[in-house]
Protein backbone atom coordinates (compact mmCIF):
# COMPACT_ATOMS: atom_id res chain seq x y z
CA MET A 1 -17.33 -31.79 40.87
CA SER A 2 -15.26 -28.77 41.75
CA THR A 3 -11.56 -29.02 43.59
CA PRO A 4 -12.07 -26.84 46.40
CA PRO A 5 -9.36 -23.69 46.09
CA PRO A 6 -6.38 -25.13 48.81
CA ILE A 7 -6.00 -21.29 50.43
CA SER A 8 -8.82 -18.55 51.60
CA GLU A 9 -10.59 -16.32 48.76
CA LYS A 10 -8.51 -13.59 49.70
CA ASN A 11 -4.96 -15.24 49.10
CA LEU A 12 -6.65 -16.71 46.10
CA THR A 13 -7.37 -12.97 44.65
CA TYR A 14 -3.58 -12.03 45.41
CA LEU A 15 -2.18 -15.24 43.66
CA ALA A 16 -4.70 -14.44 40.27
CA LEU A 17 -3.15 -11.03 40.36
CA ALA A 18 0.73 -11.77 40.70
CA GLY A 19 -0.22 -14.36 38.50
CA PHE A 20 -1.76 -11.96 35.87
CA PHE A 21 1.34 -9.60 36.54
CA VAL A 22 3.85 -12.00 36.21
CA ALA A 23 2.72 -13.38 33.28
CA ALA A 24 1.63 -9.93 31.40
CA LEU A 25 5.11 -8.70 32.36
CA ALA A 26 6.52 -11.50 30.89
CA GLY A 27 4.79 -11.28 27.48
CA ALA A 28 5.34 -7.07 27.66
CA GLY A 29 9.06 -7.53 28.41
CA THR A 30 9.36 -9.68 25.48
CA PHE A 31 7.47 -7.57 23.02
CA TYR A 32 9.75 -4.70 24.32
CA VAL A 33 12.73 -6.00 24.02
CA ARG A 34 11.73 -7.05 20.03
CA TYR A 35 10.26 -4.35 18.93
CA PRO A 36 12.04 -3.76 16.32
CA TYR A 37 11.47 -6.41 14.82
CA THR A 38 7.84 -5.63 14.80
CA GLU A 39 6.06 -6.63 11.41
CA ASP A 40 2.34 -6.46 10.68
CA GLY A 41 -0.47 -8.22 12.97
CA GLN A 42 1.92 -8.43 16.03
CA ALA A 43 0.00 -5.88 17.76
CA TYR A 44 -3.29 -8.68 17.54
CA LEU A 45 -0.52 -11.03 19.18
CA MET A 46 -0.26 -7.94 22.37
CA ILE A 47 -3.60 -7.61 22.39
CA GLY A 48 -4.50 -11.59 22.12
CA TYR A 49 -1.50 -12.25 25.29
CA LEU A 50 -3.20 -9.62 27.26
CA VAL A 51 -6.83 -11.20 27.35
CA CYS A 52 -4.87 -14.80 27.76
CA SER A 53 -3.54 -13.22 31.35
CA LEU A 54 -6.47 -11.85 32.08
CA ILE A 55 -8.25 -15.38 31.36
CA LEU A 56 -5.65 -16.36 33.74
CA PHE A 57 -6.20 -14.10 36.33
CA PHE A 58 -10.11 -14.72 36.52
CA ALA A 59 -9.10 -19.11 36.22
CA VAL A 60 -7.02 -18.68 39.20
CA LYS A 61 -9.12 -16.82 40.92
CA LEU A 62 -12.24 -19.09 40.86
CA TRP A 63 -9.65 -22.09 41.09
CA LYS A 64 -10.89 -23.25 37.50
CA LEU A 65 -8.31 -25.98 37.52
CA PRO A 66 -8.70 -26.48 33.67
CA LEU A 67 -9.58 -22.79 32.62
CA ILE A 68 -6.05 -22.44 34.31
CA GLY A 69 -4.34 -24.51 32.17
CA VAL A 70 -5.88 -23.56 28.77
CA ALA A 71 -4.78 -19.94 29.78
CA VAL A 72 -1.22 -21.26 30.31
CA VAL A 73 -1.01 -23.00 27.00
CA LEU A 74 -2.29 -19.88 24.90
CA SER A 75 -0.07 -18.02 26.39
CA ILE A 76 2.53 -20.01 25.53
CA GLY A 77 1.28 -20.76 22.10
CA VAL A 78 0.82 -16.93 21.31
CA LEU A 79 4.12 -15.77 22.92
CA ALA A 80 5.73 -18.06 20.96
CA TYR A 81 3.67 -17.76 17.61
CA ALA A 82 4.79 -13.76 18.59
CA ASN A 83 8.53 -14.86 18.68
CA LYS A 84 8.62 -16.65 15.08
CA LYS A 85 6.96 -13.93 14.29
CA PHE A 86 10.47 -11.73 15.54
CA ASP A 87 12.53 -14.37 14.33
CA TRP A 88 11.42 -14.29 10.34
CA ARG A 89 11.60 -10.24 10.31
CA GLU A 90 15.18 -10.68 12.29
CA ASN A 91 16.46 -12.75 9.66
CA TYR A 92 15.69 -10.12 7.25
CA ILE A 93 16.98 -6.96 8.89
CA GLN A 94 19.88 -8.73 9.33
CA MET A 95 20.76 -10.15 6.89
CA ALA A 96 20.07 -6.55 4.95
CA LYS A 97 22.77 -5.03 7.92
CA MET A 98 25.01 -7.86 6.79
CA GLY A 99 25.30 -7.10 2.90
CA GLN A 100 22.43 -9.60 1.92
CA PRO A 101 19.20 -7.65 1.49
CA PHE A 102 16.37 -10.13 0.25
CA PHE A 103 17.27 -10.43 -3.85
CA LEU A 104 14.15 -9.65 -4.43
CA GLU A 105 13.60 -6.11 -2.62
CA GLU A 106 13.66 -4.14 -5.74
CA MET A 107 10.41 -6.12 -6.90
CA ILE A 108 8.37 -5.97 -3.76
CA ASP A 109 6.64 -3.42 -2.08
CA ARG A 110 7.33 -4.87 1.59
CA TYR A 111 8.84 -8.09 2.57
CA PRO A 112 6.35 -10.77 3.18
CA THR A 113 5.07 -11.10 7.01
CA PHE A 114 5.58 -14.87 8.72
CA GLU A 115 1.38 -15.09 7.71
CA GLU A 116 1.90 -14.71 4.10
CA TYR A 117 4.73 -16.52 3.55
CA THR A 118 3.01 -19.59 5.90
CA PHE A 119 -0.75 -19.86 4.75
CA ASP A 120 -1.14 -20.42 1.10
CA PHE A 121 -5.04 -19.67 2.10
CA LEU A 122 -4.11 -16.20 2.77
CA GLY A 123 -3.47 -15.71 -1.63
CA ALA A 124 -0.26 -13.46 -0.92
CA PRO A 125 2.33 -13.10 -3.95
CA ASP A 126 5.16 -15.92 -2.59
CA TRP A 127 8.01 -13.99 -3.18
CA VAL A 128 10.59 -15.54 -1.08
CA ARG A 129 9.49 -19.05 -2.34
CA PHE A 130 9.58 -17.92 -5.99
CA ASN A 131 13.47 -16.39 -4.79
CA GLU A 132 14.48 -19.66 -2.80
CA GLU A 133 13.15 -22.22 -5.69
CA CYS A 134 13.22 -20.50 -9.57
CA VAL A 135 15.20 -17.55 -9.28
CA GLN A 136 18.61 -18.76 -7.49
CA PRO A 137 18.77 -22.26 -9.10
CA ALA A 138 18.54 -20.39 -12.28
CA LEU A 139 21.74 -17.64 -11.52
CA LEU A 140 23.41 -20.55 -10.63
CA ASN A 141 22.75 -23.31 -13.55
CA GLN A 142 21.35 -25.74 -10.84
CA VAL A 143 18.40 -28.23 -11.21
CA ILE A 144 15.11 -25.92 -11.79
CA GLN A 145 11.71 -27.00 -10.52
CA PRO A 146 8.96 -27.27 -13.60
CA ARG A 147 6.70 -25.21 -11.99
CA CYS A 148 9.41 -22.46 -12.59
CA ALA A 149 9.08 -23.21 -15.95
CA THR A 150 6.36 -20.60 -17.83
CA PHE A 151 4.69 -17.55 -16.35
CA ASP A 152 1.18 -19.53 -15.86
CA LEU A 153 3.14 -21.88 -13.98
CA ILE A 154 4.92 -19.03 -11.74
CA GLN A 155 1.03 -17.95 -10.99
CA ARG A 156 -0.40 -20.95 -9.84
CA PHE A 157 1.96 -22.09 -7.50
CA TYR A 158 3.63 -18.41 -5.89
CA ARG A 159 0.69 -16.42 -7.25
CA ILE A 160 2.53 -14.27 -9.23
CA ASP A 161 2.13 -12.29 -12.07
CA MET A 162 5.63 -12.19 -13.01
CA GLN A 163 5.03 -10.78 -16.81
CA ALA A 164 3.37 -7.63 -15.39
CA ALA A 165 6.04 -7.39 -12.30
CA MET A 166 9.01 -7.48 -15.01
CA ILE A 167 6.55 -4.94 -16.56
CA THR A 168 6.45 -2.27 -14.31
CA HIS A 169 10.16 -3.39 -12.97
CA LEU A 170 11.31 -2.07 -16.69
CA ASN A 171 9.08 0.98 -16.09
CA LYS A 172 10.88 1.79 -13.23
CA MET A 173 14.13 1.10 -14.52
CA ARG A 174 13.57 3.49 -17.38
CA GLU A 175 12.28 6.50 -15.00
CA THR A 176 15.73 5.72 -13.63
CA ALA A 177 18.19 5.96 -16.52
CA LYS A 178 16.20 8.93 -17.87
CA ARG A 179 17.07 11.24 -14.26
CA ILE A 180 20.45 10.12 -14.74
CA GLU A 181 20.54 10.87 -18.15
CA GLU A 182 18.88 14.34 -17.51
CA GLY A 183 21.10 14.69 -14.80
CA GLN A 184 19.31 14.65 -11.65
CA MET A 185 21.23 12.14 -9.99
CA LYS A 186 24.51 12.99 -10.47
CA LYS A 187 26.57 10.89 -7.72
CA ARG A 188 27.01 7.72 -7.23
CA SER A 189 25.23 8.46 -3.43
CA GLU A 190 22.08 9.83 -5.14
CA TYR A 191 21.78 6.94 -7.28
CA ILE A 192 22.22 4.66 -4.03
CA SER A 193 19.82 6.80 -1.75
CA CYS A 194 17.09 6.41 -4.45
CA LEU A 195 17.54 2.44 -4.44
CA ALA A 196 17.08 2.20 -1.14
CA SER A 197 13.87 4.24 -1.36
CA LYS A 198 12.66 2.18 -3.51
CA GLU A 199 12.29 5.23 -6.02
CA CYS A 200 14.89 3.51 -8.57
CA ALA A 201 15.49 0.31 -9.88
CA ALA A 202 19.29 -0.52 -10.48
CA ILE A 203 20.54 -0.41 -13.71
CA PRO A 204 23.46 -1.09 -16.20
CA LEU A 205 25.82 1.66 -14.84
CA LEU A 206 29.45 1.93 -15.67
CA PRO A 207 32.23 0.94 -12.62
CA LYS A 208 32.54 3.45 -9.94
CA GLY A 209 35.38 5.95 -11.35
CA ILE A 210 34.75 5.40 -14.76
CA ASP A 211 33.28 8.99 -16.41
CA ALA A 212 31.11 8.02 -19.09
CA ASN A 213 32.29 12.22 -21.26
CA ARG A 214 35.50 10.56 -21.25
CA ILE A 215 34.91 7.23 -22.97
CA ASP A 216 35.11 8.04 -27.45
CA PRO A 217 31.78 7.17 -28.59
CA THR A 218 32.93 5.07 -31.06
CA SER A 219 34.98 2.77 -29.01
CA ARG A 220 34.30 -0.55 -27.78
CA ASP A 221 34.64 -0.23 -23.81
CA TYR A 222 32.36 -0.78 -21.62
CA ILE A 223 29.73 -1.30 -24.77
CA GLY A 224 27.76 -3.54 -23.33
CA ILE A 225 27.19 -1.68 -20.51
CA ARG A 226 26.44 1.38 -22.68
CA GLN A 227 23.87 -0.58 -25.14
CA ALA A 228 21.57 -1.11 -22.45
CA PHE A 229 22.08 2.04 -20.72
CA TRP A 230 20.83 3.60 -23.70
CA SER A 231 18.34 0.73 -24.85
CA LEU A 232 16.34 2.33 -21.68
CA ILE A 233 16.27 5.79 -22.74
CA ASN A 234 15.31 4.82 -26.67
CA GLU A 235 13.21 1.31 -26.61
CA ARG A 236 10.09 0.74 -25.43
CA LYS A 237 10.89 -2.71 -24.84
CA MET A 238 14.15 -4.60 -22.40
CA SER A 239 16.86 -5.34 -24.85
CA GLN A 240 19.04 -8.68 -24.97
CA GLU A 241 21.95 -6.49 -23.63
CA THR A 242 19.90 -4.96 -20.60
CA CYS A 243 18.35 -8.08 -20.08
CA ALA A 244 21.78 -10.25 -19.68
CA LEU A 245 22.74 -7.67 -17.11
CA THR A 246 19.42 -7.20 -15.11
CA PRO A 247 19.90 -10.55 -12.69
CA ILE A 248 16.12 -11.40 -12.15
CA CYS A 249 15.94 -10.85 -16.43
CA ARG A 250 18.55 -13.04 -16.80
CA ALA A 251 17.14 -15.64 -14.33
CA LEU A 252 14.30 -15.97 -16.43
CA VAL A 253 16.14 -16.97 -19.58
CA ASN A 254 17.96 -19.78 -17.37
CA MET A 255 14.42 -20.68 -16.74
CA LYS A 256 13.13 -20.97 -20.40
CA VAL A 257 10.07 -18.59 -19.15
CA VAL A 258 11.25 -16.65 -22.57
CA GLU A 259 13.96 -16.05 -25.09
CA PRO A 260 15.87 -13.58 -25.03
CA ASN A 261 15.32 -12.29 -28.40
CA LYS A 262 11.57 -12.44 -28.00
CA LEU A 263 11.49 -10.72 -24.80
CA PRO A 264 7.33 -10.29 -23.65
CA PHE A 265 8.41 -7.13 -21.86
């Protein structure tokens, strides 16, 4: 037996409209304030929240108490989930602004969404966990999990074809070195801009302020960096010198995925 409404039908409509506008404005305010941290999929949550607000309107207007409860719970849930996505994106952006961008930024086209990180069934490459569980421990000489030990295991647990990714990355490094060698990027600022646009990859370069033209080619000054740079120009595969100066390659060596003298890329 349904519970009779406590007020007239006319006033119930007013109450329903008030509830709808309060809920809709609360959601709109949240999405507007946090708009700079929007990522893929957020628009669907906005639509979902609006639908919940409409359900709340009709539930109040018809005085369906169970439906009112469902609408309220769904609205809170959608807004909470949207804030999780905002938090995820905000952390990524704020860390970059603080000078701590995602370590494997060069390896990816875009940072994974909250869903891609959270739900395995989506099958998205898990670059974030791979960095946290494999790359960073390897670079810090910490204990490395067994799942990081081979290309096949990385593919199975993190859904990343790391060998193909390294070949793509090496090709970008080689193109970057060629552009610098051919004089297409004469200023360090141009190189930094190219990195930011993801058209280039970080490569071994002489320290800021050191003019390559003033270094005696027969000297040993910065020899490791010089050899690593020219190997990108002259060799088909990554050299040991270049690998030692490329963090992701050095991590793969420390993880025992590859041997420095038998690099498969």
